[in-house]
Each structure stands twice: as C-alpha cells, then as structure tokens.
Amino acid sequence: MTDKYQLAENFADAANEFVELVSNPGSSPDVFARALLASLTRLYLAALALSAETDVELHNIEFLKVTKDDWLHIHRNVSGTIGEHDTYWITFDPIFPRNDSGDPCLASLGDDCADIYRDIIRPLSAFNAGQTEILDDIIWEWADTPFQSHWGLHAACAIHTLHWIVFPESA
C-alpha cells in the first residue's frame, strides 16, 4: 500500500464516521454536537493531509449522484437533532469582502452537513467498493476544488459554530 492509499484510507475512515453520524444522529443535542465537532474536525484534518496531484490524468468519473431526498434526509437529521442551535450567522469572505460577501447572513448546520455529505459520499462509495484504479479521481474529489471551494468552507464554518455550542462558557 502506498502512502497515497493510506492517506485516502484515513480520509475514508473519517468520512465513513461522519456519514454514519449524520445518518443516525441519536437524540441528545449535546452529545450529537460534541460528536459532530469531533467528526468534522477529523474529516477536515484528513482532507488537509490528502494532496491531489496535479500531474495525473483524471478519468472524469461520474460518481454516484445524491438525490434531493438524500440531501433533505441528512439536513433534517442534523437540524432536528441540534435543535435551536441549527442556524448561525456567517460572513462568507472575512478577509477580502467583495460584492457584499462581508455582510453577515444566516447559515445552517443542517445545510452544512448535507452539503458535506453530498460532496464526500460520491467518491466515498467508489472507494468503499474498492475502485482503487480511480484513486486519483477519488482523491481529487475529496481534497482539491470541492474541498477548497465548497465542502471545506462548510466544514470550517460548522466547526467554528459547534465550538461555541459545545463550549458556551467561552462566549
């Protein structure tokens, strides 16, 4: 097994844990919030450890599509379990605000987790099925543009919000 495969396996372990958690969140908001904070932190760290190689030929794989019903199921699981703390305020671009991206807007942990789920489950299904011949495509889906411009932002915002939920005395 190569280092690349081991890093992908580490990411898959974190991703499978996240998928299981948001699919079956339990009923305690406090327990779920702490578990979600830990799971998202592991997932984010595993994505940072992956490095999509720029000199590989990608196969333009059409990974499994997530249905709107699947997305809504995850959104409802997270929103319903986290309860009153589901929504929070965010600034999209706190460093270089442009086109009103520095204005606060309302966000949702349910939306964050459903979007993360949608982005990672597609290549995760292929990895779990043992499709290592497309490992570069899988890693690209997890660690390159989708992470950098979409699900990684959702994860970072959710981690920040969950920190305040889990540690309210820090307010």
N, C-alpha and C. Protein backbone atom coordinates (compact mmCIF):
# COMPACT_ATOMS: atom_id res chain seq x y z
N MET A 1 0.83 -1.19 0.00
CA MET A 1 0.00 0.00 0.00
C MET A 1 0.87 1.25 0.00
N THR A 2 0.51 2.16 -0.85
CA THR A 2 1.28 3.39 -0.96
C THR A 2 0.85 4.39 0.11
N ASP A 3 1.67 5.39 0.30
CA ASP A 3 1.30 6.46 1.22
C ASP A 3 0.01 7.14 0.77
N LYS A 4 -0.12 7.31 -0.54
CA LYS A 4 -1.33 7.93 -1.08
C LYS A 4 -2.56 7.11 -0.71
N TYR A 5 -2.45 5.80 -0.83
CA TYR A 5 -3.58 4.94 -0.49
C TYR A 5 -3.87 5.02 1.01
N GLN A 6 -2.84 5.05 1.83
CA GLN A 6 -3.04 5.12 3.29
C GLN A 6 -3.72 6.44 3.66
N LEU A 7 -3.32 7.54 3.04
CA LEU A 7 -3.97 8.82 3.32
C LEU A 7 -5.44 8.79 2.87
N ALA A 8 -5.69 8.17 1.72
CA ALA A 8 -7.07 8.04 1.26
C ALA A 8 -7.88 7.16 2.20
N GLU A 9 -7.25 6.10 2.68
CA GLU A 9 -7.94 5.22 3.63
C GLU A 9 -8.25 5.95 4.93
N ASN A 10 -7.32 6.78 5.40
CA ASN A 10 -7.56 7.59 6.60
C ASN A 10 -8.73 8.54 6.38
N PHE A 11 -8.76 9.17 5.19
CA PHE A 11 -9.87 10.06 4.89
C PHE A 11 -11.18 9.27 4.85
N ALA A 12 -11.16 8.11 4.19
CA ALA A 12 -12.37 7.29 4.09
C ALA A 12 -12.88 6.89 5.47
N ASP A 13 -11.98 6.57 6.39
CA ASP A 13 -12.40 6.23 7.75
C ASP A 13 -13.12 7.41 8.40
N ALA A 14 -12.55 8.60 8.27
CA ALA A 14 -13.18 9.80 8.84
C ALA A 14 -14.50 10.10 8.13
N ALA A 15 -14.53 9.91 6.82
CA ALA A 15 -15.75 10.17 6.05
C ALA A 15 -16.85 9.18 6.41
N ASN A 16 -16.50 7.91 6.54
CA ASN A 16 -17.50 6.91 6.93
C ASN A 16 -18.07 7.20 8.32
N GLU A 17 -17.21 7.65 9.23
CA GLU A 17 -17.67 8.03 10.57
C GLU A 17 -18.66 9.21 10.49
N PHE A 18 -18.31 10.22 9.69
CA PHE A 18 -19.19 11.38 9.52
C PHE A 18 -20.54 10.95 8.92
N VAL A 19 -20.50 10.14 7.87
CA VAL A 19 -21.72 9.69 7.20
C VAL A 19 -22.61 8.93 8.19
N GLU A 20 -22.02 8.05 8.97
CA GLU A 20 -22.79 7.29 9.96
C GLU A 20 -23.41 8.23 10.99
N LEU A 21 -22.66 9.20 11.44
CA LEU A 21 -23.15 10.13 12.47
C LEU A 21 -24.32 10.96 11.96
N VAL A 22 -24.20 11.54 10.78
CA VAL A 22 -25.29 12.39 10.29
C VAL A 22 -26.47 11.57 9.78
N SER A 23 -26.25 10.30 9.49
CA SER A 23 -27.35 9.42 9.08
C SER A 23 -28.13 8.92 10.28
N ASN A 24 -27.45 8.77 11.41
CA ASN A 24 -28.07 8.25 12.64
C ASN A 24 -27.59 9.08 13.83
N PRO A 25 -28.10 10.32 13.96
CA PRO A 25 -27.52 11.23 14.95
C PRO A 25 -27.88 10.98 16.41
N GLY A 26 -28.84 10.12 16.68
CA GLY A 26 -29.26 9.95 18.06
C GLY A 26 -30.23 11.04 18.46
N SER A 27 -30.46 11.18 19.75
CA SER A 27 -31.50 12.12 20.17
C SER A 27 -31.01 13.24 21.08
N SER A 28 -29.82 13.14 21.61
CA SER A 28 -29.32 14.16 22.53
C SER A 28 -28.57 15.25 21.76
N PRO A 29 -29.08 16.49 21.78
CA PRO A 29 -28.38 17.57 21.07
C PRO A 29 -26.96 17.79 21.57
N ASP A 30 -26.74 17.70 22.88
CA ASP A 30 -25.42 17.95 23.44
C ASP A 30 -24.41 16.89 23.02
N VAL A 31 -24.83 15.62 23.11
CA VAL A 31 -23.95 14.52 22.72
C VAL A 31 -23.67 14.59 21.22
N PHE A 32 -24.71 14.87 20.44
CA PHE A 32 -24.55 14.95 18.99
C PHE A 32 -23.62 16.10 18.60
N ALA A 33 -23.79 17.27 19.22
CA ALA A 33 -22.95 18.43 18.89
C ALA A 33 -21.48 18.13 19.14
N ARG A 34 -21.17 17.50 20.26
CA ARG A 34 -19.78 17.17 20.58
C ARG A 34 -19.23 16.13 19.58
N ALA A 35 -20.03 15.12 19.28
CA ALA A 35 -19.60 14.08 18.33
C ALA A 35 -19.41 14.68 16.94
N LEU A 36 -20.30 15.58 16.53
CA LEU A 36 -20.20 16.21 15.22
C LEU A 36 -18.97 17.10 15.14
N LEU A 37 -18.68 17.84 16.20
CA LEU A 37 -17.48 18.67 16.24
C LEU A 37 -16.23 17.80 16.05
N ALA A 38 -16.16 16.70 16.77
CA ALA A 38 -15.01 15.80 16.66
C ALA A 38 -14.92 15.18 15.26
N SER A 39 -16.04 14.75 14.74
CA SER A 39 -16.07 14.09 13.43
C SER A 39 -15.67 15.06 12.31
N LEU A 40 -16.23 16.26 12.32
CA LEU A 40 -15.88 17.24 11.29
C LEU A 40 -14.42 17.66 11.38
N THR A 41 -13.90 17.76 12.59
CA THR A 41 -12.50 18.13 12.76
C THR A 41 -11.59 17.04 12.19
N ARG A 42 -11.92 15.78 12.46
CA ARG A 42 -11.13 14.67 11.89
C ARG A 42 -11.22 14.67 10.37
N LEU A 43 -12.43 14.89 9.85
CA LEU A 43 -12.64 14.90 8.40
C LEU A 43 -11.84 16.01 7.74
N TYR A 44 -11.89 17.20 8.31
CA TYR A 44 -11.16 18.35 7.77
C TYR A 44 -9.65 18.09 7.80
N LEU A 45 -9.17 17.58 8.91
CA LEU A 45 -7.74 17.28 9.05
C LEU A 45 -7.31 16.21 8.04
N ALA A 46 -8.14 15.20 7.84
CA ALA A 46 -7.82 14.14 6.87
C ALA A 46 -7.78 14.71 5.45
N ALA A 47 -8.65 15.66 5.13
CA ALA A 47 -8.64 16.29 3.81
C ALA A 47 -7.38 17.12 3.62
N LEU A 48 -6.94 17.81 4.67
CA LEU A 48 -5.71 18.59 4.57
C LEU A 48 -4.50 17.70 4.32
N ALA A 49 -4.52 16.48 4.87
CA ALA A 49 -3.41 15.56 4.70
C ALA A 49 -3.35 15.00 3.27
N LEU A 50 -4.51 14.91 2.63
CA LEU A 50 -4.53 14.45 1.24
C LEU A 50 -3.96 15.54 0.34
N SER A 51 -3.36 15.13 -0.71
CA SER A 51 -2.83 16.11 -1.67
C SER A 51 -3.17 15.62 -3.06
N ALA A 52 -4.06 16.31 -3.71
CA ALA A 52 -4.40 15.95 -5.09
C ALA A 52 -3.20 16.29 -5.97
N GLU A 53 -2.72 15.31 -6.69
CA GLU A 53 -1.56 15.52 -7.55
C GLU A 53 -1.99 16.22 -8.83
N THR A 54 -1.19 17.16 -9.26
CA THR A 54 -1.56 17.93 -10.45
C THR A 54 -1.08 17.28 -11.74
N ASP A 55 -0.17 16.32 -11.64
CA ASP A 55 0.37 15.73 -12.86
C ASP A 55 -0.21 14.34 -13.16
N VAL A 56 -1.41 14.08 -12.71
CA VAL A 56 -2.05 12.80 -13.00
C VAL A 56 -3.19 13.02 -13.99
N GLU A 57 -3.50 11.98 -14.71
CA GLU A 57 -4.60 12.06 -15.66
C GLU A 57 -5.88 11.58 -14.98
N LEU A 58 -6.83 12.49 -14.86
CA LEU A 58 -8.11 12.13 -14.25
C LEU A 58 -9.00 11.49 -15.31
N HIS A 59 -9.91 10.65 -14.85
CA HIS A 59 -10.77 9.90 -15.75
C HIS A 59 -12.15 10.53 -15.93
N ASN A 60 -12.37 11.68 -15.31
CA ASN A 60 -13.68 12.35 -15.38
C ASN A 60 -14.82 11.38 -15.05
N ILE A 61 -14.67 10.74 -13.91
CA ILE A 61 -15.64 9.75 -13.45
C ILE A 61 -16.93 10.44 -13.04
N GLU A 62 -18.04 9.85 -13.42
CA GLU A 62 -19.35 10.30 -12.94
C GLU A 62 -19.68 9.48 -11.70
N PHE A 63 -19.39 10.06 -10.55
CA PHE A 63 -19.67 9.36 -9.30
C PHE A 63 -21.16 9.33 -9.02
N LEU A 64 -21.55 8.47 -8.11
CA LEU A 64 -22.92 8.34 -7.64
C LEU A 64 -23.51 9.73 -7.35
N LYS A 65 -24.70 9.96 -7.82
CA LYS A 65 -25.38 11.24 -7.56
C LYS A 65 -26.22 11.11 -6.29
N VAL A 66 -26.21 12.15 -5.50
CA VAL A 66 -27.03 12.20 -4.30
C VAL A 66 -28.36 12.84 -4.67
N THR A 67 -29.44 12.19 -4.29
CA THR A 67 -30.76 12.72 -4.62
C THR A 67 -31.13 13.85 -3.66
N LYS A 68 -32.08 14.64 -4.08
CA LYS A 68 -32.59 15.72 -3.22
C LYS A 68 -33.16 15.12 -1.92
N ASP A 69 -33.81 13.95 -2.03
CA ASP A 69 -34.36 13.29 -0.83
C ASP A 69 -33.25 12.88 0.13
N ASP A 70 -32.13 12.37 -0.40
CA ASP A 70 -30.98 12.01 0.45
C ASP A 70 -30.44 13.25 1.16
N TRP A 71 -30.30 14.34 0.40
CA TRP A 71 -29.79 15.59 0.96
C TRP A 71 -30.74 16.09 2.06
N LEU A 72 -32.04 16.07 1.78
CA LEU A 72 -33.03 16.52 2.77
C LEU A 72 -33.03 15.65 4.02
N HIS A 73 -32.82 14.36 3.84
CA HIS A 73 -32.77 13.44 4.97
C HIS A 73 -31.64 13.83 5.93
N ILE A 74 -30.46 14.08 5.39
CA ILE A 74 -29.32 14.48 6.22
C ILE A 74 -29.59 15.85 6.86
N HIS A 75 -30.10 16.78 6.07
CA HIS A 75 -30.40 18.12 6.59
C HIS A 75 -31.38 18.02 7.77
N ARG A 76 -32.43 17.26 7.61
CA ARG A 76 -33.43 17.11 8.68
C ARG A 76 -32.86 16.40 9.90
N ASN A 77 -32.03 15.39 9.67
CA ASN A 77 -31.41 14.68 10.80
C ASN A 77 -30.61 15.64 11.66
N VAL A 78 -29.75 16.42 11.02
CA VAL A 78 -28.87 17.32 11.75
C VAL A 78 -29.68 18.46 12.37
N SER A 79 -30.50 19.11 11.58
CA SER A 79 -31.30 20.24 12.09
C SER A 79 -32.21 19.81 13.23
N GLY A 80 -32.86 18.66 13.06
CA GLY A 80 -33.78 18.18 14.08
C GLY A 80 -33.08 17.80 15.37
N THR A 81 -31.89 17.26 15.26
CA THR A 81 -31.17 16.82 16.46
C THR A 81 -30.49 17.99 17.16
N ILE A 82 -29.90 18.89 16.41
CA ILE A 82 -29.17 20.02 17.00
C ILE A 82 -30.15 21.06 17.56
N GLY A 83 -31.37 21.07 17.01
CA GLY A 83 -32.43 21.91 17.54
C GLY A 83 -32.22 23.40 17.33
N GLU A 84 -32.42 24.15 18.40
CA GLU A 84 -32.41 25.62 18.31
C GLU A 84 -31.07 26.20 17.87
N HIS A 85 -30.01 25.42 17.93
CA HIS A 85 -28.69 25.92 17.53
C HIS A 85 -28.35 25.62 16.08
N ASP A 86 -29.34 25.17 15.30
CA ASP A 86 -29.08 24.83 13.90
C ASP A 86 -28.63 26.03 13.09
N THR A 87 -29.22 27.18 13.30
CA THR A 87 -28.87 28.35 12.49
C THR A 87 -27.86 29.23 13.22
N TYR A 88 -27.02 29.87 12.43
CA TYR A 88 -25.99 30.74 12.96
C TYR A 88 -25.66 31.80 11.92
N TRP A 89 -24.93 32.83 12.34
CA TRP A 89 -24.53 33.91 11.44
C TRP A 89 -23.12 33.66 10.91
N ILE A 90 -22.92 34.03 9.65
CA ILE A 90 -21.64 33.81 9.00
C ILE A 90 -21.32 35.00 8.08
N THR A 91 -20.03 35.23 7.90
CA THR A 91 -19.54 36.14 6.88
C THR A 91 -18.78 35.27 5.89
N PHE A 92 -19.18 35.28 4.63
CA PHE A 92 -18.58 34.38 3.66
C PHE A 92 -17.11 34.67 3.39
N ASP A 93 -16.75 35.90 3.22
CA ASP A 93 -15.36 36.22 2.91
C ASP A 93 -14.86 37.25 3.90
N PRO A 94 -14.37 36.80 5.06
CA PRO A 94 -13.97 37.74 6.10
C PRO A 94 -12.65 38.45 5.81
N ILE A 95 -11.88 37.98 4.84
CA ILE A 95 -10.57 38.57 4.55
C ILE A 95 -10.65 39.64 3.47
N PHE A 96 -11.25 39.29 2.34
CA PHE A 96 -11.36 40.21 1.21
C PHE A 96 -12.81 40.33 0.77
N PRO A 97 -13.66 40.94 1.59
CA PRO A 97 -15.07 41.02 1.21
C PRO A 97 -15.27 41.81 -0.09
N ARG A 98 -16.07 41.26 -0.96
CA ARG A 98 -16.43 41.91 -2.22
C ARG A 98 -17.86 41.53 -2.54
N ASN A 99 -18.54 42.38 -3.22
CA ASN A 99 -19.93 42.11 -3.62
C ASN A 99 -20.79 41.67 -2.43
N ASP A 100 -20.68 42.36 -1.34
CA ASP A 100 -21.46 42.08 -0.13
C ASP A 100 -21.11 40.76 0.55
N SER A 101 -20.00 40.12 0.17
CA SER A 101 -19.63 38.85 0.81
C SER A 101 -19.18 39.04 2.25
N GLY A 102 -18.95 40.26 2.67
CA GLY A 102 -18.58 40.55 4.05
C GLY A 102 -19.77 40.79 4.95
N ASP A 103 -20.97 40.85 4.36
CA ASP A 103 -22.18 41.06 5.15
C ASP A 103 -22.59 39.76 5.84
N PRO A 104 -22.98 39.83 7.11
CA PRO A 104 -23.42 38.61 7.79
C PRO A 104 -24.71 38.06 7.16
N CYS A 105 -24.80 36.75 7.10
CA CYS A 105 -26.02 36.10 6.62
C CYS A 105 -26.26 34.85 7.46
N LEU A 106 -27.48 34.36 7.41
CA LEU A 106 -27.89 33.21 8.20
C LEU A 106 -27.45 31.92 7.51
N ALA A 107 -26.88 31.01 8.28
CA ALA A 107 -26.45 29.70 7.77
C ALA A 107 -27.05 28.62 8.66
N SER A 108 -26.89 27.37 8.27
CA SER A 108 -27.50 26.25 8.98
C SER A 108 -26.54 25.07 9.06
N LEU A 109 -26.41 24.48 10.25
CA LEU A 109 -25.59 23.29 10.41
C LEU A 109 -26.16 22.13 9.60
N GLY A 110 -27.49 22.07 9.50
CA GLY A 110 -28.11 21.04 8.68
C GLY A 110 -27.70 21.17 7.22
N ASP A 111 -27.69 22.40 6.71
CA ASP A 111 -27.26 22.65 5.34
C ASP A 111 -25.78 22.33 5.18
N ASP A 112 -24.96 22.74 6.14
CA ASP A 112 -23.53 22.44 6.08
C ASP A 112 -23.30 20.94 5.95
N CYS A 113 -23.90 20.19 6.86
CA CYS A 113 -23.67 18.74 6.88
C CYS A 113 -24.24 18.04 5.65
N ALA A 114 -25.39 18.49 5.17
CA ALA A 114 -25.97 17.88 3.97
C ALA A 114 -25.11 18.15 2.75
N ASP A 115 -24.54 19.35 2.66
CA ASP A 115 -23.65 19.66 1.53
C ASP A 115 -22.33 18.88 1.63
N ILE A 116 -21.78 18.77 2.82
CA ILE A 116 -20.56 17.98 3.01
C ILE A 116 -20.84 16.53 2.62
N TYR A 117 -21.94 16.00 3.11
CA TYR A 117 -22.35 14.63 2.78
C TYR A 117 -22.43 14.44 1.27
N ARG A 118 -23.11 15.36 0.61
CA ARG A 118 -23.28 15.25 -0.84
C ARG A 118 -21.93 15.23 -1.57
N ASP A 119 -20.98 16.04 -1.11
CA ASP A 119 -19.70 16.13 -1.79
C ASP A 119 -18.77 14.95 -1.50
N ILE A 120 -18.82 14.38 -0.30
CA ILE A 120 -17.88 13.31 0.02
C ILE A 120 -18.43 11.91 -0.23
N ILE A 121 -19.75 11.73 -0.20
CA ILE A 121 -20.32 10.38 -0.32
C ILE A 121 -20.10 9.80 -1.71
N ARG A 122 -20.10 10.64 -2.72
CA ARG A 122 -19.97 10.13 -4.10
C ARG A 122 -18.65 9.40 -4.30
N PRO A 123 -17.51 10.03 -4.05
CA PRO A 123 -16.26 9.28 -4.20
C PRO A 123 -16.05 8.25 -3.08
N LEU A 124 -16.66 8.48 -1.92
CA LEU A 124 -16.54 7.51 -0.82
C LEU A 124 -17.15 6.18 -1.20
N SER A 125 -18.27 6.21 -1.89
CA SER A 125 -18.91 4.96 -2.33
C SER A 125 -17.99 4.18 -3.26
N ALA A 126 -17.31 4.88 -4.15
CA ALA A 126 -16.36 4.22 -5.06
C ALA A 126 -15.17 3.65 -4.29
N PHE A 127 -14.66 4.43 -3.33
CA PHE A 127 -13.52 3.95 -2.54
C PHE A 127 -13.92 2.72 -1.72
N ASN A 128 -15.08 2.79 -1.07
CA ASN A 128 -15.55 1.68 -0.25
C ASN A 128 -15.78 0.42 -1.09
N ALA A 129 -16.09 0.61 -2.38
CA ALA A 129 -16.30 -0.53 -3.29
C ALA A 129 -14.98 -1.08 -3.83
N GLY A 130 -13.86 -0.47 -3.44
CA GLY A 130 -12.55 -0.97 -3.84
C GLY A 130 -12.10 -0.53 -5.21
N GLN A 131 -12.62 0.55 -5.72
CA GLN A 131 -12.26 1.03 -7.06
C GLN A 131 -10.96 1.83 -7.02
N THR A 132 -9.89 1.17 -6.64
CA THR A 132 -8.60 1.85 -6.48
C THR A 132 -7.98 2.27 -7.81
N GLU A 133 -8.47 1.74 -8.92
CA GLU A 133 -7.94 2.16 -10.22
C GLU A 133 -8.28 3.63 -10.52
N ILE A 134 -9.23 4.18 -9.80
CA ILE A 134 -9.59 5.60 -9.98
C ILE A 134 -9.24 6.40 -8.72
N LEU A 135 -8.23 5.94 -7.99
CA LEU A 135 -7.85 6.58 -6.73
C LEU A 135 -7.54 8.06 -6.90
N ASP A 136 -6.87 8.43 -7.99
CA ASP A 136 -6.55 9.85 -8.20
C ASP A 136 -7.82 10.69 -8.35
N ASP A 137 -8.82 10.15 -9.02
CA ASP A 137 -10.10 10.85 -9.17
C ASP A 137 -10.79 11.01 -7.81
N ILE A 138 -10.75 9.94 -7.02
CA ILE A 138 -11.36 9.96 -5.69
C ILE A 138 -10.68 11.01 -4.82
N ILE A 139 -9.36 11.00 -4.82
CA ILE A 139 -8.61 11.97 -4.01
C ILE A 139 -8.88 13.39 -4.49
N TRP A 140 -8.93 13.59 -5.79
CA TRP A 140 -9.23 14.93 -6.30
C TRP A 140 -10.59 15.41 -5.81
N GLU A 141 -11.58 14.54 -5.83
CA GLU A 141 -12.93 14.91 -5.36
C GLU A 141 -12.93 15.26 -3.88
N TRP A 142 -12.10 14.60 -3.11
CA TRP A 142 -12.06 14.85 -1.67
C TRP A 142 -11.21 16.06 -1.30
N ALA A 143 -10.10 16.27 -2.00
CA ALA A 143 -9.09 17.21 -1.50
C ALA A 143 -8.83 18.41 -2.37
N ASP A 144 -9.32 18.43 -3.58
CA ASP A 144 -8.99 19.55 -4.45
C ASP A 144 -10.13 20.57 -4.47
N THR A 145 -10.59 20.93 -5.62
CA THR A 145 -11.57 22.01 -5.76
C THR A 145 -12.82 21.84 -4.89
N PRO A 146 -13.45 20.67 -4.84
CA PRO A 146 -14.64 20.56 -3.99
C PRO A 146 -14.36 20.90 -2.52
N PHE A 147 -13.21 20.48 -2.01
CA PHE A 147 -12.83 20.81 -0.64
C PHE A 147 -12.49 22.28 -0.50
N GLN A 148 -11.66 22.77 -1.41
CA GLN A 148 -11.16 24.13 -1.30
C GLN A 148 -12.24 25.18 -1.49
N SER A 149 -13.21 24.91 -2.34
CA SER A 149 -14.20 25.94 -2.64
C SER A 149 -15.61 25.63 -2.17
N HIS A 150 -15.85 24.45 -1.62
CA HIS A 150 -17.22 24.17 -1.19
C HIS A 150 -17.29 23.47 0.17
N TRP A 151 -17.09 22.16 0.18
CA TRP A 151 -17.39 21.46 1.43
C TRP A 151 -16.41 21.81 2.55
N GLY A 152 -15.18 22.18 2.22
CA GLY A 152 -14.24 22.59 3.26
C GLY A 152 -14.68 23.87 3.96
N LEU A 153 -15.27 24.78 3.19
CA LEU A 153 -15.82 26.01 3.80
C LEU A 153 -16.99 25.69 4.72
N HIS A 154 -17.87 24.79 4.27
CA HIS A 154 -18.98 24.37 5.13
C HIS A 154 -18.44 23.73 6.42
N ALA A 155 -17.43 22.89 6.28
CA ALA A 155 -16.88 22.22 7.46
C ALA A 155 -16.24 23.23 8.42
N ALA A 156 -15.48 24.16 7.89
CA ALA A 156 -14.82 25.15 8.74
C ALA A 156 -15.84 26.01 9.49
N CYS A 157 -16.89 26.42 8.80
CA CYS A 157 -17.93 27.23 9.46
C CYS A 157 -18.67 26.41 10.51
N ALA A 158 -18.95 25.16 10.19
CA ALA A 158 -19.65 24.29 11.15
C ALA A 158 -18.78 24.03 12.38
N ILE A 159 -17.48 23.79 12.17
CA ILE A 159 -16.57 23.57 13.30
C ILE A 159 -16.56 24.79 14.21
N HIS A 160 -16.47 25.97 13.63
CA HIS A 160 -16.48 27.20 14.42
C HIS A 160 -17.78 27.32 15.24
N THR A 161 -18.89 27.08 14.59
CA THR A 161 -20.19 27.18 15.26
C THR A 161 -20.34 26.11 16.34
N LEU A 162 -19.96 24.88 16.02
CA LEU A 162 -20.07 23.80 17.00
C LEU A 162 -19.19 24.04 18.22
N HIS A 163 -18.05 24.69 18.02
CA HIS A 163 -17.20 25.02 19.16
C HIS A 163 -17.98 25.90 20.15
N TRP A 164 -18.70 26.87 19.65
CA TRP A 164 -19.49 27.76 20.51
C TRP A 164 -20.64 27.01 21.17
N ILE A 165 -21.21 26.02 20.49
CA ILE A 165 -22.30 25.23 21.05
C ILE A 165 -21.76 24.30 22.14
N VAL A 166 -20.65 23.64 21.89
CA VAL A 166 -20.09 22.67 22.84
C VAL A 166 -19.45 23.37 24.03
N PHE A 167 -18.86 24.53 23.80
CA PHE A 167 -18.18 25.26 24.86
C PHE A 167 -18.80 26.64 25.04
N PRO A 168 -20.04 26.71 25.51
CA PRO A 168 -20.73 28.01 25.61
C PRO A 168 -20.09 28.96 26.61
N GLU A 169 -19.34 28.41 27.56
CA GLU A 169 -18.68 29.28 28.54
C GLU A 169 -17.58 30.12 27.93
N SER A 170 -17.18 29.80 26.69
CA SER A 170 -16.15 30.60 26.02
C SER A 170 -16.73 31.89 25.44
N ALA A 171 -18.04 32.02 25.48
CA ALA A 171 -18.69 33.22 24.94
C ALA A 171 -18.47 34.41 25.85
